[in-house]
């Protein structure tokens, strides 16, 4: 830690460090909110389509037209979520 000759200099340094930490905390909080929103979107819009794809694979075969359509719907929903809630 650097020695300061006056209390105001030390106070200034502490204020600058506090501002830096606050900005970092806000960025982390924002990313956590985006991550939570992404997870919720996957649960609401993608997970059910994944199960439909798996069911179509089991019932009709992985390379069937039904499974192909289900796979496209599922991956399309995932891609839309990735665009809406990008990772940083």
PDB file of N, CA and C in Angstrom:
ATOM      1  N   UNK A   1       0.849  -1.170   0.000  1.00  0.00           N
ATOM      2  CA  UNK A   1       0.000   0.000   0.000  1.00  0.00           C
ATOM      3  C   UNK A   1       0.899   1.238   0.000  1.00  0.00           C
ATOM      4  N   UNK A   2       0.571   2.206  -0.787  1.00  0.00           N
ATOM      5  CA  UNK A   2       1.351   3.430  -0.888  1.00  0.00           C
ATOM      6  C   UNK A   2       1.057   4.334   0.299  1.00  0.00           C
ATOM      7  N   UNK A   3       2.109   4.965   0.797  1.00  0.00           N
ATOM      8  CA  UNK A   3       1.933   5.914   1.900  1.00  0.00           C
ATOM      9  C   UNK A   3       1.499   7.265   1.328  1.00  0.00           C
ATOM     10  N   UNK A   4       0.567   7.886   1.984  1.00  0.00           N
ATOM     11  CA  UNK A   4       0.079   9.199   1.570  1.00  0.00           C
ATOM     12  C   UNK A   4       0.434  10.205   2.644  1.00  0.00           C
ATOM     13  N   UNK A   5       0.745  11.420   2.180  1.00  0.00           N
ATOM     14  CA  UNK A   5       1.154  12.452   3.139  1.00  0.00           C
ATOM     15  C   UNK A   5      -0.035  13.112   3.822  1.00  0.00           C
ATOM     16  N   UNK A   6      -1.202  13.011   3.199  1.00  0.00           N
ATOM     17  CA  UNK A   6      -2.363  13.661   3.811  1.00  0.00           C
ATOM     18  C   UNK A   6      -3.559  12.713   3.818  1.00  0.00           C
ATOM     19  N   UNK A   7      -4.418  12.969   4.749  1.00  0.00           N
ATOM     20  CA  UNK A   7      -5.643  12.180   4.842  1.00  0.00           C
ATOM     21  C   UNK A   7      -6.536  12.363   3.610  1.00  0.00           C
ATOM     22  N   UNK A   8      -6.627  13.575   3.037  1.00  0.00           N
ATOM     23  CA  UNK A   8      -7.453  13.727   1.835  1.00  0.00           C
ATOM     24  C   UNK A   8      -6.964  12.873   0.658  1.00  0.00           C
ATOM     25  N   UNK A   9      -5.644  12.690   0.535  1.00  0.00           N
ATOM     26  CA  UNK A   9      -5.129  11.841  -0.540  1.00  0.00           C
ATOM     27  C   UNK A   9      -5.569  10.394  -0.331  1.00  0.00           C
ATOM     28  N   UNK A  10      -5.489   9.935   0.892  1.00  0.00           N
ATOM     29  CA  UNK A  10      -5.913   8.567   1.214  1.00  0.00           C
ATOM     30  C   UNK A  10      -7.416   8.411   1.000  1.00  0.00           C
ATOM     31  N   UNK A  11      -8.165   9.409   1.391  1.00  0.00           N
ATOM     32  CA  UNK A  11      -9.616   9.372   1.194  1.00  0.00           C
ATOM     33  C   UNK A  11      -9.949   9.313  -0.295  1.00  0.00           C
ATOM     34  N   UNK A  12      -9.214  10.061  -1.096  1.00  0.00           N
ATOM     35  CA  UNK A  12      -9.434  10.050  -2.544  1.00  0.00           C
ATOM     36  C   UNK A  12      -9.156   8.657  -3.115  1.00  0.00           C
ATOM     37  N   UNK A  13      -8.059   8.045  -2.681  1.00  0.00           N
ATOM     38  CA  UNK A  13      -7.731   6.707  -3.163  1.00  0.00           C
ATOM     39  C   UNK A  13      -8.811   5.704  -2.762  1.00  0.00           C
ATOM     40  N   UNK A  14      -9.258   5.775  -1.532  1.00  0.00           N
ATOM     41  CA  UNK A  14     -10.306   4.866  -1.070  1.00  0.00           C
ATOM     42  C   UNK A  14     -11.605   5.067  -1.844  1.00  0.00           C
ATOM     43  N   UNK A  15     -11.929   6.313  -2.140  1.00  0.00           N
ATOM     44  CA  UNK A  15     -13.140   6.599  -2.914  1.00  0.00           C
ATOM     45  C   UNK A  15     -13.028   6.016  -4.319  1.00  0.00           C
ATOM     46  N   UNK A  16     -11.859   6.149  -4.935  1.00  0.00           N
ATOM     47  CA  UNK A  16     -11.652   5.600  -6.276  1.00  0.00           C
ATOM     48  C   UNK A  16     -11.744   4.074  -6.268  1.00  0.00           C
ATOM     49  N   UNK A  17     -11.170   3.446  -5.250  1.00  0.00           N
ATOM     50  CA  UNK A  17     -11.255   1.989  -5.130  1.00  0.00           C
ATOM     51  C   UNK A  17     -12.699   1.546  -4.915  1.00  0.00           C
ATOM     52  N   UNK A  18     -13.432   2.298  -4.107  1.00  0.00           N
ATOM     53  CA  UNK A  18     -14.834   1.961  -3.847  1.00  0.00           C
ATOM     54  C   UNK A  18     -15.662   2.064  -5.121  1.00  0.00           C
ATOM     55  N   UNK A  19     -15.414   3.092  -5.913  1.00  0.00           N
ATOM     56  CA  UNK A  19     -16.144   3.259  -7.175  1.00  0.00           C
ATOM     57  C   UNK A  19     -15.828   2.102  -8.116  1.00  0.00           C
ATOM     58  N   UNK A  20     -14.566   1.724  -8.193  1.00  0.00           N
ATOM     59  CA  UNK A  20     -14.156   0.610  -9.050  1.00  0.00           C
ATOM     60  C   UNK A  20     -14.842  -0.687  -8.612  1.00  0.00           C
ATOM     61  N   UNK A  21     -14.848  -0.948  -7.316  1.00  0.00           N
ATOM     62  CA  UNK A  21     -15.493  -2.158  -6.802  1.00  0.00           C
ATOM     63  C   UNK A  21     -17.000  -2.140  -7.032  1.00  0.00           C
ATOM     64  N   UNK A  22     -17.606  -0.979  -6.890  1.00  0.00           N
ATOM     65  CA  UNK A  22     -19.043  -0.860  -7.133  1.00  0.00           C
ATOM     66  C   UNK A  22     -19.369  -1.160  -8.594  1.00  0.00           C
ATOM     67  N   UNK A  23     -18.566  -0.647  -9.509  1.00  0.00           N
ATOM     68  CA  UNK A  23     -18.780  -0.926 -10.937  1.00  0.00           C
ATOM     69  C   UNK A  23     -18.631  -2.416 -11.224  1.00  0.00           C
ATOM     70  N   UNK A  24     -17.633  -3.052 -10.619  1.00  0.00           N
ATOM     71  CA  UNK A  24     -17.451  -4.489 -10.809  1.00  0.00           C
ATOM     72  C   UNK A  24     -18.645  -5.267 -10.262  1.00  0.00           C
ATOM     73  N   UNK A  25     -19.122  -4.866  -9.102  1.00  0.00           N
ATOM     74  CA  UNK A  25     -20.267  -5.546  -8.497  1.00  0.00           C
ATOM     75  C   UNK A  25     -21.517  -5.390  -9.360  1.00  0.00           C
ATOM     76  N   UNK A  26     -21.717  -4.197  -9.909  1.00  0.00           N
ATOM     77  CA  UNK A  26     -22.882  -3.978 -10.772  1.00  0.00           C
ATOM     78  C   UNK A  26     -22.792  -4.827 -12.032  1.00  0.00           C
ATOM     79  N   UNK A  27     -21.591  -4.940 -12.607  1.00  0.00           N
ATOM     80  CA  UNK A  27     -21.415  -5.769 -13.802  1.00  0.00           C
ATOM     81  C   UNK A  27     -21.698  -7.235 -13.487  1.00  0.00           C
ATOM     82  N   UNK A  28     -21.214  -7.712 -12.357  1.00  0.00           N
ATOM     83  CA  UNK A  28     -21.468  -9.096 -11.957  1.00  0.00           C
ATOM     84  C   UNK A  28     -22.948  -9.336 -11.681  1.00  0.00           C
ATOM     85  N   UNK A  29     -23.595  -8.369 -11.049  1.00  0.00           N
ATOM     86  CA  UNK A  29     -25.025  -8.494 -10.772  1.00  0.00           C
ATOM     87  C   UNK A  29     -25.814  -8.539 -12.079  1.00  0.00           C
ATOM     88  N   UNK A  30     -25.444  -7.683 -13.026  1.00  0.00           N
ATOM     89  CA  UNK A  30     -26.132  -7.668 -14.318  1.00  0.00           C
ATOM     90  C   UNK A  30     -25.970  -9.017 -15.022  1.00  0.00           C
ATOM     91  N   UNK A  31     -24.749  -9.553 -15.026  1.00  0.00           N
ATOM     92  CA  UNK A  31     -24.524 -10.838 -15.678  1.00  0.00           C
ATOM     93  C   UNK A  31     -25.307 -11.943 -14.991  1.00  0.00           C
ATOM     94  N   UNK A  32     -25.398 -11.901 -13.684  1.00  0.00           N
ATOM     95  CA  UNK A  32     -26.183 -12.901 -12.953  1.00  0.00           C
ATOM     96  C   UNK A  32     -27.663 -12.809 -13.330  1.00  0.00           C
ATOM     97  N   UNK A  33     -28.168 -11.599 -13.515  1.00  0.00           N
ATOM     98  CA  UNK A  33     -29.562 -11.422 -13.920  1.00  0.00           C
ATOM     99  C   UNK A  33     -29.793 -11.961 -15.330  1.00  0.00           C
ATOM    100  N   UNK A  34     -28.841 -11.704 -16.226  1.00  0.00           N
ATOM    101  CA  UNK A  34     -28.946 -12.224 -17.592  1.00  0.00           C
ATOM    102  C   UNK A  34     -28.914 -13.749 -17.574  1.00  0.00           C
ATOM    103  N   UNK A  35     -28.011 -14.319 -16.779  1.00  0.00           N
ATOM    104  CA  UNK A  35     -27.921 -15.777 -16.676  1.00  0.00           C
ATOM    105  C   UNK A  35     -29.225 -16.377 -16.153  1.00  0.00           C
ATOM    106  N   UNK A  36     -29.808 -15.748 -15.149  1.00  0.00           N
ATOM    107  CA  UNK A  36     -31.068 -16.240 -14.588  1.00  0.00           C
ATOM    108  C   UNK A  36     -32.195 -16.139 -15.615  1.00  0.00           C
ATOM    109  N   UNK A  37     -32.236 -15.043 -16.354  1.00  0.00           N
ATOM    110  CA  UNK A  37     -33.265 -14.875 -17.381  1.00  0.00           C
ATOM    111  C   UNK A  37     -33.086 -15.909 -18.490  1.00  0.00           C
ATOM    112  N   UNK A  38     -31.836 -16.194 -18.855  1.00  0.00           N
ATOM    113  CA  UNK A  38     -31.563 -17.195 -19.881  1.00  0.00           C
ATOM    114  C   UNK A  38     -32.050 -18.573 -19.419  1.00  0.00           C
ATOM    115  N   UNK A  39     -31.736 -18.916 -18.172  1.00  0.00           N
ATOM    116  CA  UNK A  39     -32.172 -20.214 -17.648  1.00  0.00           C
ATOM    117  C   UNK A  39     -33.696 -20.322 -17.637  1.00  0.00           C
ATOM    118  N   UNK A  40     -34.355 -19.259 -17.237  1.00  0.00           N
ATOM    119  CA  UNK A  40     -35.816 -19.272 -17.212  1.00  0.00           C
ATOM    120  C   UNK A  40     -36.372 -19.403 -18.631  1.00  0.00           C
ATOM    121  N   UNK A  41     -35.763 -18.711 -19.575  1.00  0.00           N
ATOM    122  CA  UNK A  41     -36.220 -18.802 -20.964  1.00  0.00           C
ATOM    123  C   UNK A  41     -36.028 -20.213 -21.507  1.00  0.00           C
ATOM    124  N   UNK A  42     -34.894 -20.835 -21.199  1.00  0.00           N
ATOM    125  CA  UNK A  42     -34.692 -22.225 -21.619  1.00  0.00           C
ATOM    126  C   UNK A  42     -35.784 -23.115 -21.041  1.00  0.00           C
ATOM    127  N   UNK A  43     -36.080 -22.938 -19.759  1.00  0.00           N
ATOM    128  CA  UNK A  43     -37.094 -23.769 -19.116  1.00  0.00           C
ATOM    129  C   UNK A  43     -38.466 -23.563 -19.743  1.00  0.00           C
ATOM    130  N   UNK A  44     -38.794 -22.319 -20.056  1.00  0.00           N
ATOM    131  CA  UNK A  44     -40.128 -22.016 -20.581  1.00  0.00           C
ATOM    132  C   UNK A  44     -40.273 -22.342 -22.060  1.00  0.00           C
ATOM    133  N   UNK A  45     -39.214 -22.131 -22.846  1.00  0.00           N
ATOM    134  CA  UNK A  45     -39.373 -22.182 -24.296  1.00  0.00           C
ATOM    135  C   UNK A  45     -38.580 -23.275 -24.998  1.00  0.00           C
ATOM    136  N   UNK A  46     -37.623 -23.886 -24.320  1.00  0.00           N
ATOM    137  CA  UNK A  46     -36.749 -24.826 -25.008  1.00  0.00           C
ATOM    138  C   UNK A  46     -36.805 -26.241 -24.443  1.00  0.00           C
ATOM    139  N   UNK A  47     -36.869 -26.368 -23.148  1.00  0.00           N
ATOM    140  CA  UNK A  47     -36.788 -27.696 -22.540  1.00  0.00           C
ATOM    141  C   UNK A  47     -37.906 -28.625 -23.016  1.00  0.00           C
ATOM    142  N   UNK A  48     -39.106 -28.111 -23.103  1.00  0.00           N
ATOM    143  CA  UNK A  48     -40.221 -28.932 -23.577  1.00  0.00           C
ATOM    144  C   UNK A  48     -40.019 -29.393 -25.009  1.00  0.00           C
ATOM    145  N   UNK A  49     -39.427 -28.521 -25.833  1.00  0.00           N
ATOM    146  CA  UNK A  49     -39.147 -28.894 -27.219  1.00  0.00           C
ATOM    147  C   UNK A  49     -38.061 -29.960 -27.291  1.00  0.00           C
ATOM    148  N   UNK A  50     -37.124 -29.915 -26.365  1.00  0.00           N
ATOM    149  CA  UNK A  50     -36.092 -30.955 -26.314  1.00  0.00           C
ATOM    150  C   UNK A  50     -36.729 -32.308 -26.006  1.00  0.00           C
ATOM    151  N   UNK A  51     -37.671 -32.323 -25.082  1.00  0.00           N
ATOM    152  CA  UNK A  51     -38.354 -33.573 -24.759  1.00  0.00           C
ATOM    153  C   UNK A  51     -39.189 -34.068 -25.942  1.00  0.00           C
ATOM    154  N   UNK A  52     -39.794 -33.144 -26.672  1.00  0.00           N
ATOM    155  CA  UNK A  52     -40.544 -33.541 -27.862  1.00  0.00           C
ATOM    156  C   UNK A  52     -39.612 -34.152 -28.908  1.00  0.00           C
ATOM    157  N   UNK A  53     -38.424 -33.571 -29.056  1.00  0.00           N
ATOM    158  CA  UNK A  53     -37.437 -34.124 -29.980  1.00  0.00           C
ATOM    159  C   UNK A  53     -37.036 -35.536 -29.556  1.00  0.00           C
ATOM    160  N   UNK A  54     -36.736 -35.712 -28.274  1.00  0.00           N
ATOM    161  CA  UNK A  54     -36.348 -37.034 -27.782  1.00  0.00           C
ATOM    162  C   UNK A  54     -37.483 -38.048 -27.964  1.00  0.00           C
ATOM    163  N   UNK A  55     -38.696 -37.609 -27.732  1.00  0.00           N
ATOM    164  CA  UNK A  55     -39.845 -38.501 -27.912  1.00  0.00           C
ATOM    165  C   UNK A  55     -40.003 -38.881 -29.382  1.00  0.00           C
ATOM    166  N   UNK A  56     -39.820 -37.922 -30.280  1.00  0.00           N
ATOM    167  CA  UNK A  56     -39.917 -38.211 -31.716  1.00  0.00           C
ATOM    168  C   UNK A  56     -38.812 -39.172 -32.143  1.00  0.00           C
ATOM    169  N   UNK A  57     -37.624 -38.994 -31.587  1.00  0.00           N
ATOM    170  CA  UNK A  57     -36.522 -39.920 -31.890  1.00  0.00           C
ATOM    171  C   UNK A  57     -36.870 -41.333 -31.437  1.00  0.00           C
ATOM    172  N   UNK A  58     -37.417 -41.442 -30.245  1.00  0.00           N
ATOM    173  CA  UNK A  58     -37.762 -42.760 -29.707  1.00  0.00           C
ATOM    174  C   UNK A  58     -38.894 -43.407 -30.498  1.00  0.00           C
ATOM    175  N   UNK A  59     -39.863 -42.590 -30.902  1.00  0.00           N
ATOM    176  CA  UNK A  59     -41.036 -43.144 -31.577  1.00  0.00           C
ATOM    177  C   UNK A  59     -40.804 -43.391 -33.064  1.00  0.00           C
ATOM    178  N   UNK A  60     -40.142 -42.437 -33.743  1.00  0.00           N
ATOM    179  CA  UNK A  60     -40.026 -42.519 -35.196  1.00  0.00           C
ATOM    180  C   UNK A  60     -38.602 -42.770 -35.696  1.00  0.00           C
ATOM    181  N   UNK A  61     -37.622 -42.633 -34.817  1.00  0.00           N
ATOM    182  CA  UNK A  61     -36.225 -42.769 -35.232  1.00  0.00           C
ATOM    183  C   UNK A  61     -35.584 -41.400 -35.379  1.00  0.00           C
ATOM    184  N   UNK A  62     -34.297 -41.360 -35.108  1.00  0.00           N
ATOM    185  CA  UNK A  62     -33.577 -40.078 -35.082  1.00  0.00           C
ATOM    186  C   UNK A  62     -33.574 -39.363 -36.427  1.00  0.00           C
ATOM    187  N   UNK A  63     -33.592 -40.118 -37.518  1.00  0.00           N
ATOM    188  CA  UNK A  63     -33.496 -39.507 -38.845  1.00  0.00           C
ATOM    189  C   UNK A  63     -34.854 -39.358 -39.528  1.00  0.00           C
ATOM    190  N   UNK A  64     -35.914 -39.519 -38.778  1.00  0.00           N
ATOM    191  CA  UNK A  64     -37.260 -39.383 -39.341  1.00  0.00           C
ATOM    192  C   UNK A  64     -37.597 -37.912 -39.558  1.00  0.00           C
ATOM    193  N   UNK A  65     -38.541 -37.637 -40.463  1.00  0.00           N
ATOM    194  CA  UNK A  65     -38.976 -36.245 -40.660  1.00  0.00           C
ATOM    195  C   UNK A  65     -39.559 -35.624 -39.388  1.00  0.00           C
ATOM    196  N   UNK A  66     -40.276 -36.423 -38.613  1.00  0.00           N
ATOM    197  CA  UNK A  66     -40.861 -35.908 -37.375  1.00  0.00           C
ATOM    198  C   UNK A  66     -39.765 -35.477 -36.398  1.00  0.00           C
ATOM    199  N   UNK A  67     -38.743 -36.294 -36.259  1.00  0.00           N
ATOM    200  CA  UNK A  67     -37.636 -35.946 -35.362  1.00  0.00           C
ATOM    201  C   UNK A  67     -36.873 -34.742 -35.899  1.00  0.00           C
ATOM    202  N   UNK A  68     -36.714 -34.680 -37.207  1.00  0.00           N
ATOM    203  CA  UNK A  68     -36.015 -33.538 -37.812  1.00  0.00           C
ATOM    204  C   UNK A  68     -36.739 -32.229 -37.547  1.00  0.00           C
ATOM    205  N   UNK A  69     -38.056 -32.240 -37.695  1.00  0.00           N
ATOM    206  CA  UNK A  69     -38.837 -31.028 -37.429  1.00  0.00           C
ATOM    207  C   UNK A  69     -38.777 -30.645 -35.952  1.00  0.00           C
ATOM    208  N   UNK A  70     -38.880 -31.648 -35.090  1.00  0.00           N
ATOM    209  CA  UNK A  70     -38.815 -31.379 -33.647  1.00  0.00           C
ATOM    210  C   UNK A  70     -37.444 -30.822 -33.277  1.00  0.00           C
ATOM    211  N   UNK A  71     -36.413 -31.372 -33.884  1.00  0.00           N
ATOM    212  CA  UNK A  71     -35.047 -30.887 -33.619  1.00  0.00           C
ATOM    213  C   UNK A  71     -34.900 -29.438 -34.072  1.00  0.00           C
ATOM    214  N   UNK A  72     -35.426 -29.101 -35.241  1.00  0.00           N
ATOM    215  CA  UNK A  72     -35.356 -27.724 -35.751  1.00  0.00           C
ATOM    216  C   UNK A  72     -36.080 -26.752 -34.826  1.00  0.00           C
ATOM    217  N   UNK A  73     -37.257 -27.138 -34.332  1.00  0.00           N
ATOM    218  CA  UNK A  73     -37.999 -26.266 -33.412  1.00  0.00           C
ATOM    219  C   UNK A  73     -37.203 -26.049 -32.126  1.00  0.00           C
ATOM    220  N   UNK A  74     -36.657 -27.134 -31.596  1.00  0.00           N
ATOM    221  CA  UNK A  74     -35.886 -27.062 -30.352  1.00  0.00           C
ATOM    222  C   UNK A  74     -34.650 -26.186 -30.527  1.00  0.00           C
ATOM    223  N   UNK A  75     -33.854 -26.452 -31.558  1.00  0.00           N
ATOM    224  CA  UNK A  75     -32.628 -25.674 -31.753  1.00  0.00           C
ATOM    225  C   UNK A  75     -32.931 -24.229 -32.137  1.00  0.00           C
ATOM    226  N   UNK A  76     -34.028 -24.016 -32.853  1.00  0.00           N
ATOM    227  CA  UNK A  76     -34.435 -22.643 -33.169  1.00  0.00           C
ATOM    228  C   UNK A  76     -34.763 -21.852 -31.915  1.00  0.00           C
ATOM    229  N   UNK A  77     -35.464 -22.492 -30.989  1.00  0.00           N
ATOM    230  CA  UNK A  77     -35.788 -21.826 -29.720  1.00  0.00           C
ATOM    231  C   UNK A  77     -34.518 -21.538 -28.930  1.00  0.00           C
ATOM    232  N   UNK A  78     -33.595 -22.491 -28.890  1.00  0.00           N
ATOM    233  CA  UNK A  78     -32.325 -22.285 -28.178  1.00  0.00           C
ATOM    234  C   UNK A  78     -31.541 -21.122 -28.788  1.00  0.00           C
ATOM    235  N   UNK A  79     -31.479 -21.080 -30.107  1.00  0.00           N
ATOM    236  CA  UNK A  79     -30.735 -19.997 -30.758  1.00  0.00           C
ATOM    237  C   UNK A  79     -31.366 -18.640 -30.493  1.00  0.00           C
ATOM    238  N   UNK A  80     -32.686 -18.581 -30.487  1.00  0.00           N
ATOM    239  CA  UNK A  80     -33.364 -17.314 -30.187  1.00  0.00           C
ATOM    240  C   UNK A  80     -33.044 -16.857 -28.768  1.00  0.00           C
ATOM    241  N   UNK A  81     -32.984 -17.792 -27.846  1.00  0.00           N
ATOM    242  CA  UNK A  81     -32.659 -17.452 -26.455  1.00  0.00           C
ATOM    243  C   UNK A  81     -31.218 -16.974 -26.356  1.00  0.00           C
ATOM    244  N   UNK A  82     -30.320 -17.636 -27.063  1.00  0.00           N
ATOM    245  CA  UNK A  82     -28.908 -17.229 -27.042  1.00  0.00           C
ATOM    246  C   UNK A  82     -28.729 -15.810 -27.572  1.00  0.00           C
ATOM    247  N   UNK A  83     -29.504 -15.449 -28.581  1.00  0.00           N
ATOM    248  CA  UNK A  83     -29.431 -14.088 -29.125  1.00  0.00           C
ATOM    249  C   UNK A  83     -30.011 -13.089 -28.129  1.00  0.00           C
ATOM    250  N   UNK A  84     -31.110 -13.453 -27.512  1.00  0.00           N
ATOM    251  CA  UNK A  84     -31.779 -12.548 -26.572  1.00  0.00           C
ATOM    252  C   UNK A  84     -30.977 -12.355 -25.291  1.00  0.00           C
ATOM    253  N   UNK A  85     -30.309 -13.413 -24.834  1.00  0.00           N
ATOM    254  CA  UNK A  85     -29.551 -13.359 -23.579  1.00  0.00           C
ATOM    255  C   UNK A  85     -28.122 -13.844 -23.816  1.00  0.00           C
ATOM    256  N   UNK A  86     -27.293 -13.038 -24.475  1.00  0.00           N
ATOM    257  CA  UNK A  86     -25.932 -13.492 -24.814  1.00  0.00           C
ATOM    258  C   UNK A  86     -25.043 -13.609 -23.583  1.00  0.00           C
ATOM    259  N   UNK A  87     -24.103 -14.525 -23.680  1.00  0.00           N
ATOM    260  CA  UNK A  87     -23.084 -14.655 -22.630  1.00  0.00           C
ATOM    261  C   UNK A  87     -21.995 -13.635 -22.904  1.00  0.00           C
ATOM    262  N   UNK A  88     -21.416 -13.142 -21.821  1.00  0.00           N
ATOM    263  CA  UNK A  88     -20.336 -12.171 -22.008  1.00  0.00           C
ATOM    264  C   UNK A  88     -19.009 -12.775 -21.644  1.00  0.00           C
TER     265      UNK A  88
END
